[in-house]
């Protein structure tokens, strides 16, 4: 029976208090409570499509705005992925999600390379969905890429509906993570000719 790759991350600042638990070898079970309904919905989609079990309890200064909470959840998720991967032995390393949602098509490609980089091409039709400021999607992705130490390319190829656009990106991220953290039975050691990531 294989050992599950799990992580628990706690982060407490003057602005946020977050507890995140994850299991890379889960089935996509999730319990997400950030106090930001649209963000909770997107994180639930990410968990479901990645098959990563994810529990997040976050309290933040959302009376000011959602920026600190969204960014700090990205930090915790990135730290959790990095912690759960350990030495990254046997992982696929690369992952891609190409996701259609009605009129929208989004591509998310990543490399768990230990080289943090975000390339973000996503022009949305609106600035907000409900009360959620859509510029925070980029802040979340940047925090995630930096703390998971991944190269992350997000390209919104086309679309009209901003909700569909953001949703397809989070689903694409889930699919890309699912592929990249998967274990390859044929792999020996870390997935790099250098012998180290």
C-alpha atoms as a PDB file:
ATOM      1  CA  UNK A   1       0.000   0.000   0.000  1.00  0.00           C
ATOM      2  CA  UNK A   2       1.520   3.291  -1.081  1.00  0.00           C
ATOM      3  CA  UNK A   3       2.126   6.103   1.361  1.00  0.00           C
ATOM      4  CA  UNK A   4      -0.021   9.144   0.724  1.00  0.00           C
ATOM      5  CA  UNK A   5       1.817  12.401   0.092  1.00  0.00           C
ATOM      6  CA  UNK A   6       0.277  14.857   2.523  1.00  0.00           C
ATOM      7  CA  UNK A   7       0.957  18.329   3.882  1.00  0.00           C
ATOM      8  CA  UNK A   8      -0.360  20.634   6.567  1.00  0.00           C
ATOM      9  CA  UNK A   9       0.378  24.353   6.374  1.00  0.00           C
ATOM     10  CA  UNK A  10      -0.431  26.985   8.978  1.00  0.00           C
ATOM     11  CA  UNK A  11       0.005  30.680   8.257  1.00  0.00           C
ATOM     12  CA  UNK A  12      -0.896  33.448  10.667  1.00  0.00           C
ATOM     13  CA  UNK A  13      -0.228  37.130  10.058  1.00  0.00           C
ATOM     14  CA  UNK A  14      -1.849  40.357  11.209  1.00  0.00           C
ATOM     15  CA  UNK A  15      -4.054  40.055   8.112  1.00  0.00           C
ATOM     16  CA  UNK A  16      -4.867  36.348   7.774  1.00  0.00           C
ATOM     17  CA  UNK A  17      -5.105  33.095   9.717  1.00  0.00           C
ATOM     18  CA  UNK A  18      -5.033  30.011   7.477  1.00  0.00           C
ATOM     19  CA  UNK A  19      -4.945  26.253   8.023  1.00  0.00           C
ATOM     20  CA  UNK A  20      -4.517  24.139   4.888  1.00  0.00           C
ATOM     21  CA  UNK A  21      -4.389  20.348   4.673  1.00  0.00           C
ATOM     22  CA  UNK A  22      -3.860  18.398   1.467  1.00  0.00           C
ATOM     23  CA  UNK A  23      -3.354  14.899   0.135  1.00  0.00           C
ATOM     24  CA  UNK A  24      -1.862  14.684  -3.349  1.00  0.00           C
ATOM     25  CA  UNK A  25      -3.012  11.063  -3.590  1.00  0.00           C
ATOM     26  CA  UNK A  26      -6.632  11.755  -2.743  1.00  0.00           C
ATOM     27  CA  UNK A  27      -9.846  11.690  -4.748  1.00  0.00           C
ATOM     28  CA  UNK A  28     -10.715  15.387  -4.850  1.00  0.00           C
ATOM     29  CA  UNK A  29     -12.578  15.627  -1.561  1.00  0.00           C
ATOM     30  CA  UNK A  30     -12.692  19.215  -0.373  1.00  0.00           C
ATOM     31  CA  UNK A  31     -13.834  21.522   2.390  1.00  0.00           C
ATOM     32  CA  UNK A  32     -13.091  25.140   1.513  1.00  0.00           C
ATOM     33  CA  UNK A  33     -13.992  28.047   3.790  1.00  0.00           C
ATOM     34  CA  UNK A  34     -12.272  31.340   3.003  1.00  0.00           C
ATOM     35  CA  UNK A  35     -15.214  33.680   3.527  1.00  0.00           C
ATOM     36  CA  UNK A  36     -15.111  34.511  -0.204  1.00  0.00           C
ATOM     37  CA  UNK A  37     -17.839  32.455  -1.961  1.00  0.00           C
ATOM     38  CA  UNK A  38     -16.604  32.776  -5.562  1.00  0.00           C
ATOM     39  CA  UNK A  39     -13.037  31.911  -4.511  1.00  0.00           C
ATOM     40  CA  UNK A  40     -14.318  28.908  -2.527  1.00  0.00           C
ATOM     41  CA  UNK A  41     -16.089  27.716  -5.678  1.00  0.00           C
ATOM     42  CA  UNK A  42     -12.918  28.017  -7.782  1.00  0.00           C
ATOM     43  CA  UNK A  43     -10.787  26.192  -5.185  1.00  0.00           C
ATOM     44  CA  UNK A  44     -13.384  23.416  -5.000  1.00  0.00           C
ATOM     45  CA  UNK A  45     -13.123  22.994  -8.776  1.00  0.00           C
ATOM     46  CA  UNK A  46      -9.324  22.893  -8.533  1.00  0.00           C
ATOM     47  CA  UNK A  47      -9.494  20.159  -5.883  1.00  0.00           C
ATOM     48  CA  UNK A  48     -12.064  18.105  -7.780  1.00  0.00           C
ATOM     49  CA  UNK A  49     -10.229  18.163 -11.099  1.00  0.00           C
ATOM     50  CA  UNK A  50      -6.773  17.595  -9.585  1.00  0.00           C
ATOM     51  CA  UNK A  51      -7.965  14.703  -7.369  1.00  0.00           C
ATOM     52  CA  UNK A  52      -6.091  16.457  -4.557  1.00  0.00           C
ATOM     53  CA  UNK A  53      -7.958  16.297  -1.249  1.00  0.00           C
ATOM     54  CA  UNK A  54      -8.031  19.845   0.074  1.00  0.00           C
ATOM     55  CA  UNK A  55      -9.166  21.394   3.336  1.00  0.00           C
ATOM     56  CA  UNK A  56      -8.807  25.152   3.769  1.00  0.00           C
ATOM     57  CA  UNK A  57      -9.971  27.237   6.703  1.00  0.00           C
ATOM     58  CA  UNK A  58      -9.092  30.889   6.241  1.00  0.00           C
ATOM     59  CA  UNK A  59      -9.962  34.037   8.136  1.00  0.00           C
ATOM     60  CA  UNK A  60      -8.828  37.331   6.701  1.00  0.00           C
ATOM     61  CA  UNK A  61      -9.423  41.049   6.656  1.00  0.00           C
ATOM     62  CA  UNK A  62     -12.029  40.733   3.905  1.00  0.00           C
ATOM     63  CA  UNK A  63     -13.768  43.784   5.358  1.00  0.00           C
ATOM     64  CA  UNK A  64     -10.843  45.710   3.852  1.00  0.00           C
ATOM     65  CA  UNK A  65     -10.768  43.590   0.696  1.00  0.00           C
ATOM     66  CA  UNK A  66     -10.057  40.009  -0.354  1.00  0.00           C
ATOM     67  CA  UNK A  67      -6.484  40.608  -1.554  1.00  0.00           C
ATOM     68  CA  UNK A  68      -4.602  39.351   1.523  1.00  0.00           C
ATOM     69  CA  UNK A  69      -6.762  36.239   1.903  1.00  0.00           C
ATOM     70  CA  UNK A  70      -6.559  35.243  -1.766  1.00  0.00           C
ATOM     71  CA  UNK A  71      -2.794  35.796  -1.972  1.00  0.00           C
ATOM     72  CA  UNK A  72      -2.091  34.019   1.320  1.00  0.00           C
ATOM     73  CA  UNK A  73      -4.194  31.009   0.319  1.00  0.00           C
ATOM     74  CA  UNK A  74      -2.045  30.860  -2.833  1.00  0.00           C
ATOM     75  CA  UNK A  75       1.073  30.946  -0.650  1.00  0.00           C
ATOM     76  CA  UNK A  76      -0.240  28.130   1.552  1.00  0.00           C
ATOM     77  CA  UNK A  77      -1.326  25.989  -1.397  1.00  0.00           C
ATOM     78  CA  UNK A  78       2.087  26.398  -3.010  1.00  0.00           C
ATOM     79  CA  UNK A  79       3.888  25.583   0.245  1.00  0.00           C
ATOM     80  CA  UNK A  80       1.630  22.548   0.690  1.00  0.00           C
ATOM     81  CA  UNK A  81       2.357  21.184  -2.778  1.00  0.00           C
ATOM     82  CA  UNK A  82       6.095  21.635  -2.267  1.00  0.00           C
ATOM     83  CA  UNK A  83       5.974  19.996   1.193  1.00  0.00           C
ATOM     84  CA  UNK A  84       3.872  17.053  -0.008  1.00  0.00           C
ATOM     85  CA  UNK A  85       6.142  16.418  -3.013  1.00  0.00           C
ATOM     86  CA  UNK A  86       9.224  16.094  -0.814  1.00  0.00           C
ATOM     87  CA  UNK A  87      12.153  15.262  -3.105  1.00  0.00           C
ATOM     88  CA  UNK A  88       9.786  14.918  -6.101  1.00  0.00           C
ATOM     89  CA  UNK A  89      11.026  11.405  -6.858  1.00  0.00           C
ATOM     90  CA  UNK A  90       9.033   9.562  -9.500  1.00  0.00           C
ATOM     91  CA  UNK A  91       6.653  12.381 -10.424  1.00  0.00           C
ATOM     92  CA  UNK A  92       5.579  13.149 -13.981  1.00  0.00           C
ATOM     93  CA  UNK A  93       6.751  16.741 -13.373  1.00  0.00           C
ATOM     94  CA  UNK A  94       4.938  18.287 -16.360  1.00  0.00           C
ATOM     95  CA  UNK A  95       1.205  18.798 -16.658  1.00  0.00           C
ATOM     96  CA  UNK A  96      -1.300  20.414 -18.990  1.00  0.00           C
ATOM     97  CA  UNK A  97      -4.977  21.234 -18.897  1.00  0.00           C
ATOM     98  CA  UNK A  98      -6.732  22.390 -22.063  1.00  0.00           C
ATOM     99  CA  UNK A  99     -10.280  23.117 -20.959  1.00  0.00           C
ATOM    100  CA  UNK A 100     -13.303  24.169 -23.012  1.00  0.00           C
ATOM    101  CA  UNK A 101     -16.281  25.684 -21.224  1.00  0.00           C
ATOM    102  CA  UNK A 102     -19.016  26.606 -23.657  1.00  0.00           C
ATOM    103  CA  UNK A 103     -17.551  29.479 -25.742  1.00  0.00           C
ATOM    104  CA  UNK A 104     -14.303  29.620 -23.729  1.00  0.00           C
ATOM    105  CA  UNK A 105     -11.017  27.748 -24.172  1.00  0.00           C
ATOM    106  CA  UNK A 106      -8.152  27.994 -21.669  1.00  0.00           C
ATOM    107  CA  UNK A 107      -4.726  26.380 -21.538  1.00  0.00           C
ATOM    108  CA  UNK A 108      -2.802  25.817 -18.303  1.00  0.00           C
ATOM    109  CA  UNK A 109       0.659  24.259 -18.524  1.00  0.00           C
ATOM    110  CA  UNK A 110       3.083  23.731 -15.658  1.00  0.00           C
ATOM    111  CA  UNK A 111       6.467  22.322 -14.746  1.00  0.00           C
ATOM    112  CA  UNK A 112       7.285  21.395 -11.138  1.00  0.00           C
ATOM    113  CA  UNK A 113      10.816  22.510 -11.839  1.00  0.00           C
ATOM    114  CA  UNK A 114      11.901  24.374  -8.676  1.00  0.00           C
ATOM    115  CA  UNK A 115      12.051  27.444 -10.952  1.00  0.00           C
ATOM    116  CA  UNK A 116       9.211  29.819 -10.033  1.00  0.00           C
ATOM    117  CA  UNK A 117       7.758  31.633 -13.020  1.00  0.00           C
ATOM    118  CA  UNK A 118       4.285  32.828 -13.955  1.00  0.00           C
ATOM    119  CA  UNK A 119       3.293  33.676 -17.521  1.00  0.00           C
ATOM    120  CA  UNK A 120      -0.261  35.021 -17.405  1.00  0.00           C
ATOM    121  CA  UNK A 121      -2.251  35.945 -20.509  1.00  0.00           C
ATOM    122  CA  UNK A 122      -5.837  36.412 -19.457  1.00  0.00           C
ATOM    123  CA  UNK A 123      -7.908  39.397 -20.546  1.00  0.00           C
ATOM    124  CA  UNK A 124     -11.316  39.344 -18.908  1.00  0.00           C
ATOM    125  CA  UNK A 125     -14.441  41.167 -20.013  1.00  0.00           C
ATOM    126  CA  UNK A 126     -15.329  42.315 -16.491  1.00  0.00           C
ATOM    127  CA  UNK A 127     -13.399  43.552 -13.460  1.00  0.00           C
ATOM    128  CA  UNK A 128     -15.560  41.745 -10.892  1.00  0.00           C
ATOM    129  CA  UNK A 129     -17.787  38.714 -10.491  1.00  0.00           C
ATOM    130  CA  UNK A 130     -20.173  39.673  -7.731  1.00  0.00           C
ATOM    131  CA  UNK A 131     -17.888  41.295  -5.166  1.00  0.00           C
ATOM    132  CA  UNK A 132     -14.812  39.285  -6.211  1.00  0.00           C
ATOM    133  CA  UNK A 133     -12.112  41.414  -7.848  1.00  0.00           C
ATOM    134  CA  UNK A 134     -10.893  39.407 -10.851  1.00  0.00           C
ATOM    135  CA  UNK A 135      -7.380  40.900 -10.781  1.00  0.00           C
ATOM    136  CA  UNK A 136      -6.891  38.714  -7.682  1.00  0.00           C
ATOM    137  CA  UNK A 137      -6.813  35.611  -9.890  1.00  0.00           C
ATOM    138  CA  UNK A 138      -3.370  36.674 -11.114  1.00  0.00           C
ATOM    139  CA  UNK A 139      -2.220  37.421  -7.549  1.00  0.00           C
ATOM    140  CA  UNK A 140      -3.309  33.933  -6.459  1.00  0.00           C
ATOM    141  CA  UNK A 141      -1.537  32.267  -9.383  1.00  0.00           C
ATOM    142  CA  UNK A 142       1.668  34.234  -8.769  1.00  0.00           C
ATOM    143  CA  UNK A 143       1.740  33.291  -5.076  1.00  0.00           C
ATOM    144  CA  UNK A 144       1.057  29.651  -5.977  1.00  0.00           C
ATOM    145  CA  UNK A 145       3.803  29.517  -8.615  1.00  0.00           C
ATOM    146  CA  UNK A 146       6.361  31.195  -6.368  1.00  0.00           C
ATOM    147  CA  UNK A 147       5.733  28.982  -3.345  1.00  0.00           C
ATOM    148  CA  UNK A 148       5.255  25.691  -5.199  1.00  0.00           C
ATOM    149  CA  UNK A 149       8.407  26.636  -7.132  1.00  0.00           C
ATOM    150  CA  UNK A 150       6.687  25.841 -10.414  1.00  0.00           C
ATOM    151  CA  UNK A 151       6.750  27.306 -13.881  1.00  0.00           C
ATOM    152  CA  UNK A 152       3.114  28.104 -14.653  1.00  0.00           C
ATOM    153  CA  UNK A 153       1.781  29.281 -18.022  1.00  0.00           C
ATOM    154  CA  UNK A 154      -1.850  30.420 -18.184  1.00  0.00           C
ATOM    155  CA  UNK A 155      -3.289  31.322 -21.560  1.00  0.00           C
ATOM    156  CA  UNK A 156      -6.907  32.241 -22.109  1.00  0.00           C
ATOM    157  CA  UNK A 157      -7.259  31.470 -25.804  1.00  0.00           C
ATOM    158  CA  UNK A 158     -10.717  32.957 -26.246  1.00  0.00           C
ATOM    159  CA  UNK A 159     -14.077  33.460 -24.580  1.00  0.00           C
ATOM    160  CA  UNK A 160     -16.796  35.981 -23.769  1.00  0.00           C
ATOM    161  CA  UNK A 161     -18.173  35.119 -20.335  1.00  0.00           C
ATOM    162  CA  UNK A 162     -15.788  36.096 -17.515  1.00  0.00           C
ATOM    163  CA  UNK A 163     -17.137  33.424 -15.162  1.00  0.00           C
ATOM    164  CA  UNK A 164     -16.506  30.743 -17.798  1.00  0.00           C
ATOM    165  CA  UNK A 165     -13.016  32.135 -18.390  1.00  0.00           C
ATOM    166  CA  UNK A 166     -11.946  31.994 -14.746  1.00  0.00           C
ATOM    167  CA  UNK A 167     -13.620  28.638 -14.180  1.00  0.00           C
ATOM    168  CA  UNK A 168     -11.893  27.057 -17.176  1.00  0.00           C
ATOM    169  CA  UNK A 169      -8.522  28.279 -15.876  1.00  0.00           C
ATOM    170  CA  UNK A 170      -9.048  26.783 -12.405  1.00  0.00           C
ATOM    171  CA  UNK A 171     -10.231  23.507 -13.934  1.00  0.00           C
ATOM    172  CA  UNK A 172      -7.210  23.561 -16.238  1.00  0.00           C
ATOM    173  CA  UNK A 173      -4.927  24.134 -13.268  1.00  0.00           C
ATOM    174  CA  UNK A 174      -6.527  21.151 -11.556  1.00  0.00           C
ATOM    175  CA  UNK A 175      -5.952  18.897 -14.561  1.00  0.00           C
ATOM    176  CA  UNK A 176      -2.355  20.102 -14.953  1.00  0.00           C
ATOM    177  CA  UNK A 177      -1.621  19.459 -11.275  1.00  0.00           C
ATOM    178  CA  UNK A 178      -3.219  16.027 -11.454  1.00  0.00           C
ATOM    179  CA  UNK A 179      -0.883  15.049 -14.283  1.00  0.00           C
ATOM    180  CA  UNK A 180       2.296  16.664 -12.943  1.00  0.00           C
ATOM    181  CA  UNK A 181       2.150  15.228  -9.399  1.00  0.00           C
ATOM    182  CA  UNK A 182       1.216  11.734 -10.630  1.00  0.00           C
ATOM    183  CA  UNK A 183       3.787   9.038 -10.045  1.00  0.00           C
ATOM    184  CA  UNK A 184       5.370   7.255 -13.007  1.00  0.00           C
ATOM    185  CA  UNK A 185       6.140   3.620 -12.147  1.00  0.00           C
ATOM    186  CA  UNK A 186       8.970   3.589 -14.701  1.00  0.00           C
ATOM    187  CA  UNK A 187      10.697   6.642 -13.257  1.00  0.00           C
ATOM    188  CA  UNK A 188      13.788   6.289 -11.098  1.00  0.00           C
ATOM    189  CA  UNK A 189      14.696   9.248  -8.916  1.00  0.00           C
ATOM    190  CA  UNK A 190      13.834  12.828  -9.768  1.00  0.00           C
ATOM    191  CA  UNK A 191      12.591  13.695 -13.282  1.00  0.00           C
ATOM    192  CA  UNK A 192      15.680  15.552 -14.477  1.00  0.00           C
ATOM    193  CA  UNK A 193      18.866  14.531 -16.300  1.00  0.00           C
ATOM    194  CA  UNK A 194      20.736  16.710 -13.784  1.00  0.00           C
ATOM    195  CA  UNK A 195      19.706  14.324 -11.007  1.00  0.00           C
ATOM    196  CA  UNK A 196      18.136  17.162  -9.061  1.00  0.00           C
ATOM    197  CA  UNK A 197      15.352  19.682  -9.604  1.00  0.00           C
END
